[in-house]
Amino acid sequence: MTDEGFPIRTYPAGVPCWVDVEQEDVRAGAEFYGALFGWDFVDADAPAADPPYVFARLDGLDAAGLEAGDSGAGWVSYIATDDIAQACVDVERAGGIVGVPPAGGTYGFSATCADPQGAVFRLWQAGKHPGSQIANVPGAWNFSELRTPDAAASLAFYGTVFGWRYDPELGAGMLRLPGYGDHLASTIDPDIHERQASAPPGFADVVAGLAEDAAATAARWEIRFTVADRDASVAEAERLGATVVSRADTEWTKEAVIVDPQDARLVLSQFAPPEDAGF
């Protein structure tokens, strides 16, 4: 259990488990995201005037991280592994790149990688920090979607390295890790299979999204955050200095792509199902 009494979320190898963003000015980044998402912040180590890393918390639970840096990586997804050294070997054997080798400490060990089409992600071998403890509620990380010019090549890489599978009947480019739904049922979400009884087989195993973009010159991970009201959140983001790139309505969501004042791109996503969906 967490200190707040909630079950601890744990992540099997191959499941995206955490997101963070580099900011040249971490304190300014905290002010922006605190106002936008309702986050408060705790320094990962001793408080400092210019902290190297802070945990963003929502309702007392770890939601995301802000890291001092200016590499231009923006928001990045971490993928859980039980053996980070072997995972780095697997990434390189499958044609990816390990740009920053494993390093870490008591929280865990990370490595920065890129897939063969250039999409940056990080590996995470957990120590005392297993990953995000809140998701899919307003102000929290919702989903990570890979936008790629070559879906087949991306599937080959992530399937080889992490065991991800694509089942066309799931629709919407959803990627699944077989067995993840059973993990959720045995840990934090015991009713998941009953609640999703009408969903396509394997829906509970979904861990990420995939969207082919033939016009793109390279792949990139797009990080989505849930908001209660897209338009209100967009207005607040603009007031705080963000730039709005686009807005779109899908069958199930209202979304907006924004760029924060320090040039990190993210997606705001409001769940807006059809009226006859039964929600």
Protein backbone atom coordinates (compact mmCIF):
# COMPACT_ATOMS: atom_id res chain seq x y z
CA MET A 1 0.00 0.00 0.00
CA THR A 2 1.08 3.59 -0.58
CA ASP A 3 1.36 6.03 2.32
CA GLU A 4 -2.13 7.27 1.35
CA GLY A 5 -3.64 3.77 1.67
CA PHE A 6 -3.98 3.02 -2.06
CA PRO A 7 -2.69 -0.24 -3.56
CA ILE A 8 0.74 0.18 -5.14
CA ARG A 9 0.71 0.10 -8.92
CA THR A 10 3.39 -2.20 -10.25
CA TYR A 11 4.40 -2.73 -13.85
CA PRO A 12 5.46 -6.00 -15.49
CA ALA A 13 8.36 -5.92 -17.92
CA GLY A 14 7.25 -4.41 -21.22
CA VAL A 15 4.60 -2.04 -19.82
CA PRO A 16 4.98 1.76 -20.05
CA CYS A 17 5.27 2.82 -16.42
CA TRP A 18 6.24 6.48 -16.13
CA VAL A 19 6.48 9.76 -18.01
CA ASP A 20 8.66 12.78 -17.47
CA VAL A 21 9.80 15.91 -19.26
CA GLU A 22 13.04 17.86 -19.43
CA GLN A 23 12.77 21.56 -18.60
CA GLU A 24 15.55 24.12 -18.69
CA ASP A 25 13.86 25.83 -15.73
CA VAL A 26 12.33 23.16 -13.50
CA ARG A 27 10.72 25.65 -11.14
CA ALA A 28 9.01 27.47 -14.01
CA GLY A 29 7.90 24.12 -15.43
CA ALA A 30 6.42 23.20 -12.07
CA GLU A 31 4.48 26.47 -11.97
CA PHE A 32 3.03 25.79 -15.44
CA TYR A 33 2.03 22.17 -14.87
CA GLY A 34 0.89 22.82 -11.33
CA ALA A 35 -1.57 25.39 -12.59
CA LEU A 36 -2.64 23.31 -15.61
CA PHE A 37 -3.07 19.90 -13.97
CA GLY A 38 -3.34 20.65 -10.26
CA TRP A 39 -0.01 19.00 -9.48
CA ASP A 40 2.15 19.67 -6.48
CA PHE A 41 5.80 18.75 -6.38
CA VAL A 42 8.35 16.97 -4.23
CA ASP A 43 12.10 17.12 -4.88
CA ALA A 44 13.50 13.68 -5.59
CA ASP A 45 16.48 14.47 -3.38
CA ALA A 46 17.25 17.27 -0.94
CA PRO A 47 15.46 20.54 -1.83
CA ALA A 48 17.59 22.84 -3.97
CA ALA A 49 17.25 26.19 -5.67
CA ASP A 50 17.53 24.39 -9.05
CA PRO A 51 16.43 20.79 -8.40
CA PRO A 52 17.66 18.17 -10.89
CA TYR A 53 14.42 16.19 -10.63
CA VAL A 54 11.01 16.64 -9.04
CA PHE A 55 8.09 14.26 -8.68
CA ALA A 56 4.73 15.70 -9.71
CA ARG A 57 1.91 14.50 -7.48
CA LEU A 58 -1.83 14.47 -7.94
CA ASP A 59 -4.01 13.73 -4.92
CA GLY A 60 -0.85 12.71 -3.07
CA LEU A 61 0.18 10.13 -5.69
CA ASP A 62 3.15 10.24 -8.06
CA ALA A 63 1.88 11.24 -11.50
CA ALA A 64 4.92 12.31 -13.55
CA GLY A 65 8.38 13.85 -13.30
CA LEU A 66 10.17 17.06 -14.27
CA GLU A 67 13.90 16.83 -14.96
CA ALA A 68 16.46 19.59 -15.45
CA GLY A 69 17.81 19.46 -18.99
CA ASP A 70 17.68 20.90 -22.48
CA SER A 71 18.14 17.91 -24.79
CA GLY A 72 14.89 18.66 -26.57
CA ALA A 73 13.48 15.21 -25.80
CA GLY A 74 10.24 16.69 -24.46
CA TRP A 75 7.82 14.31 -22.76
CA VAL A 76 9.20 10.76 -22.67
CA SER A 77 7.66 7.38 -21.80
CA TYR A 78 9.52 4.85 -19.67
CA ILE A 79 9.03 1.13 -20.30
CA ALA A 80 9.47 -1.29 -17.41
CA THR A 81 12.10 -4.00 -17.46
CA ASP A 82 13.33 -6.55 -14.94
CA ASP A 83 16.88 -6.51 -16.38
CA ILE A 84 17.93 -3.19 -17.85
CA ALA A 85 21.30 -4.43 -19.07
CA GLN A 86 19.70 -7.22 -21.08
CA ALA A 87 16.98 -4.87 -22.32
CA CYS A 88 19.67 -2.54 -23.71
CA VAL A 89 21.20 -5.50 -25.53
CA ASP A 90 17.78 -6.41 -26.92
CA VAL A 91 17.19 -2.82 -28.11
CA GLU A 92 20.48 -2.77 -30.02
CA ARG A 93 20.02 -6.24 -31.50
CA ALA A 94 16.63 -5.15 -32.84
CA GLY A 95 18.18 -2.11 -34.55
CA GLY A 96 17.58 0.53 -31.89
CA ILE A 97 20.08 2.80 -30.16
CA VAL A 98 21.03 3.13 -26.50
CA GLY A 99 21.90 6.81 -26.31
CA VAL A 100 22.46 7.00 -22.55
CA PRO A 101 23.49 3.75 -20.82
CA PRO A 102 21.90 2.56 -17.58
CA ALA A 103 22.39 4.72 -14.52
CA GLY A 104 20.47 5.31 -11.31
CA GLY A 105 20.25 4.60 -7.62
CA THR A 106 17.70 3.76 -4.96
CA TYR A 107 14.69 4.86 -7.04
CA GLY A 108 15.71 2.64 -9.94
CA PHE A 109 17.83 2.55 -13.08
CA SER A 110 17.06 4.17 -16.42
CA ALA A 111 18.53 4.16 -19.92
CA THR A 112 17.63 6.43 -22.81
CA CYS A 113 16.99 4.68 -26.11
CA ALA A 114 15.61 5.31 -29.58
CA ASP A 115 13.86 2.88 -31.86
CA PRO A 116 15.11 2.38 -35.45
CA GLN A 117 12.87 5.21 -36.67
CA GLY A 118 14.08 7.70 -34.08
CA ALA A 119 11.37 7.63 -31.41
CA VAL A 120 12.95 8.27 -28.00
CA PHE A 121 11.91 6.22 -24.96
CA ARG A 122 13.52 5.17 -21.69
CA LEU A 123 13.88 1.85 -19.96
CA TRP A 124 13.12 1.63 -16.24
CA GLN A 125 14.25 -1.06 -13.82
CA ALA A 126 12.42 -0.13 -10.65
CA GLY A 127 14.02 0.23 -7.27
CA LYS A 128 11.83 1.87 -4.66
CA HIS A 129 9.91 3.78 -7.35
CA PRO A 130 7.78 1.42 -9.50
CA GLY A 131 6.29 4.16 -11.66
CA SER A 132 3.12 6.23 -11.93
CA GLN A 133 0.65 5.69 -9.10
CA ILE A 134 -2.29 7.51 -10.71
CA ALA A 135 -3.55 7.45 -14.28
CA ASN A 136 -6.60 8.01 -16.46
CA VAL A 137 -8.15 10.73 -14.31
CA PRO A 138 -8.16 14.48 -15.00
CA GLY A 139 -4.64 15.80 -14.49
CA ALA A 140 -2.92 12.42 -14.90
CA TRP A 141 -1.14 10.56 -17.67
CA ASN A 142 -3.62 8.79 -19.90
CA PHE A 143 -1.78 7.02 -22.73
CA SER A 144 1.38 6.95 -24.82
CA GLU A 145 0.94 6.63 -28.58
CA LEU A 146 3.68 5.96 -31.11
CA ARG A 147 3.31 8.00 -34.29
CA THR A 148 5.37 6.36 -36.99
CA PRO A 149 5.90 6.52 -40.76
CA ASP A 150 6.26 2.73 -40.89
CA ALA A 151 3.87 0.82 -38.63
CA ALA A 152 5.12 -2.62 -39.71
CA ALA A 153 8.72 -1.77 -38.84
CA SER A 154 7.67 -0.31 -35.49
CA LEU A 155 5.64 -3.39 -34.65
CA ALA A 156 8.59 -5.60 -35.51
CA PHE A 157 10.90 -3.65 -33.18
CA TYR A 158 8.62 -3.32 -30.16
CA GLY A 159 7.30 -6.83 -30.58
CA THR A 160 10.83 -8.23 -30.55
CA VAL A 161 12.08 -6.14 -27.63
CA PHE A 162 9.00 -5.99 -25.39
CA GLY A 163 6.62 -8.68 -26.63
CA TRP A 164 3.95 -6.24 -27.81
CA ARG A 165 1.25 -7.52 -30.15
CA TYR A 166 -1.15 -5.85 -32.54
CA ASP A 167 -4.60 -7.39 -32.99
CA PRO A 168 -6.61 -5.66 -35.76
CA GLU A 169 -9.92 -6.44 -34.04
CA LEU A 170 -8.96 -4.18 -31.13
CA GLY A 171 -9.01 -1.21 -33.49
CA ALA A 172 -7.52 2.27 -33.10
CA GLY A 173 -3.96 0.96 -33.41
CA MET A 174 -3.88 -0.46 -29.90
CA LEU A 175 -0.83 -2.44 -28.80
CA ARG A 176 -1.14 -5.09 -26.14
CA LEU A 177 1.14 -7.12 -23.91
CA PRO A 178 -0.42 -10.55 -23.35
CA GLY A 179 -1.12 -11.11 -19.65
CA TYR A 180 -1.16 -7.47 -18.58
CA GLY A 181 -4.91 -7.56 -17.91
CA ASP A 182 -4.41 -10.53 -15.60
CA HIS A 183 -1.71 -8.56 -13.76
CA LEU A 184 -4.13 -5.67 -13.27
CA ALA A 185 -6.83 -8.06 -12.06
CA SER A 186 -4.50 -9.58 -9.49
CA THR A 187 -3.23 -6.22 -8.19
CA ILE A 188 -5.03 -2.86 -8.45
CA ASP A 189 -8.08 -3.63 -10.62
CA PRO A 190 -9.77 -6.90 -9.61
CA ASP A 191 -12.92 -6.17 -11.63
CA ILE A 192 -11.26 -5.31 -14.93
CA HIS A 193 -12.29 -8.45 -16.82
CA GLU A 194 -15.91 -8.21 -15.69
CA ARG A 195 -16.06 -4.49 -16.45
CA GLN A 196 -14.66 -5.05 -19.93
CA ALA A 197 -16.67 -8.20 -20.69
CA SER A 198 -18.18 -6.62 -23.81
CA ALA A 199 -14.83 -5.36 -25.12
CA PRO A 200 -12.84 -7.26 -27.77
CA PRO A 201 -10.63 -10.08 -26.42
CA GLY A 202 -7.29 -8.73 -25.24
CA PHE A 203 -8.54 -5.20 -24.57
CA ALA A 204 -7.40 -5.39 -20.93
CA ASP A 205 -3.87 -6.11 -22.18
CA VAL A 206 -3.53 -2.80 -24.07
CA VAL A 207 -0.40 -0.88 -23.04
CA ALA A 208 0.15 1.70 -25.81
CA GLY A 209 -1.14 3.08 -29.07
CA LEU A 210 0.14 3.10 -32.64
CA ALA A 211 -0.73 5.56 -35.40
CA GLU A 212 0.83 5.49 -38.84
CA ASP A 213 1.78 8.88 -40.26
CA ALA A 214 3.12 8.45 -43.77
CA ALA A 215 4.08 12.13 -43.95
CA ALA A 216 6.39 11.93 -40.91
CA THR A 217 10.14 11.74 -41.44
CA ALA A 218 10.73 10.01 -38.10
CA ALA A 219 8.75 8.29 -35.37
CA ARG A 220 7.94 9.93 -32.03
CA TRP A 221 6.07 9.07 -28.88
CA GLU A 222 3.10 11.31 -28.12
CA ILE A 223 2.13 11.60 -24.44
CA ARG A 224 -1.53 12.16 -23.56
CA PHE A 225 -2.96 13.58 -20.35
CA THR A 226 -6.59 13.35 -19.28
CA VAL A 227 -8.50 16.58 -18.73
CA ALA A 228 -12.10 17.10 -17.64
CA ASP A 229 -12.77 19.81 -20.22
CA ARG A 230 -10.50 20.17 -23.23
CA ASP A 231 -11.52 23.68 -24.16
CA ALA A 232 -11.18 25.00 -20.62
CA SER A 233 -7.78 23.34 -20.30
CA VAL A 234 -6.65 24.78 -23.63
CA ALA A 235 -7.68 28.25 -22.52
CA GLU A 236 -5.75 27.81 -19.25
CA ALA A 237 -2.70 26.49 -21.08
CA GLU A 238 -2.71 29.52 -23.39
CA ARG A 239 -3.07 31.85 -20.41
CA LEU A 240 -0.01 30.18 -18.88
CA GLY A 241 2.07 30.70 -22.03
CA ALA A 242 1.55 27.48 -24.01
CA THR A 243 0.98 27.32 -27.77
CA VAL A 244 -1.95 25.39 -29.20
CA VAL A 245 -0.94 23.33 -32.24
CA SER A 246 -4.25 21.67 -33.10
CA ARG A 247 -7.63 20.49 -31.85
CA ALA A 248 -9.55 17.42 -32.94
CA ASP A 249 -12.70 15.53 -31.99
CA THR A 250 -12.71 11.74 -32.32
CA GLU A 251 -15.49 9.25 -31.73
CA TRP A 252 -14.46 8.93 -28.08
CA THR A 253 -12.39 12.00 -27.22
CA LYS A 254 -11.89 15.72 -27.60
CA GLU A 255 -8.18 16.43 -27.94
CA ALA A 256 -5.71 19.26 -28.32
CA VAL A 257 -1.99 19.21 -29.02
CA ILE A 258 -0.13 21.93 -27.14
CA VAL A 259 3.48 22.98 -26.66
CA ASP A 260 4.43 24.17 -23.19
CA PRO A 261 6.40 27.41 -22.61
CA GLN A 262 9.67 25.42 -22.71
CA ASP A 263 8.83 23.73 -26.05
CA ALA A 264 7.67 20.32 -24.81
CA ARG A 265 4.77 18.85 -26.78
CA LEU A 266 1.85 17.01 -25.16
CA VAL A 267 -1.78 16.12 -25.80
CA LEU A 268 -4.78 17.11 -23.67
CA SER A 269 -7.53 14.49 -23.98
CA GLN A 270 -11.12 14.70 -22.73
CA PHE A 271 -13.12 11.46 -22.67
CA ALA A 272 -16.30 12.18 -24.63
CA PRO A 273 -18.01 8.92 -25.64
CA PRO A 274 -21.01 8.75 -27.97
CA GLU A 275 -24.35 9.30 -26.28
CA ASP A 276 -25.39 5.71 -27.00
CA ALA A 277 -22.19 4.18 -25.60
CA GLY A 278 -23.76 3.43 -22.23
CA PHE A 279 -21.29 5.39 -20.09
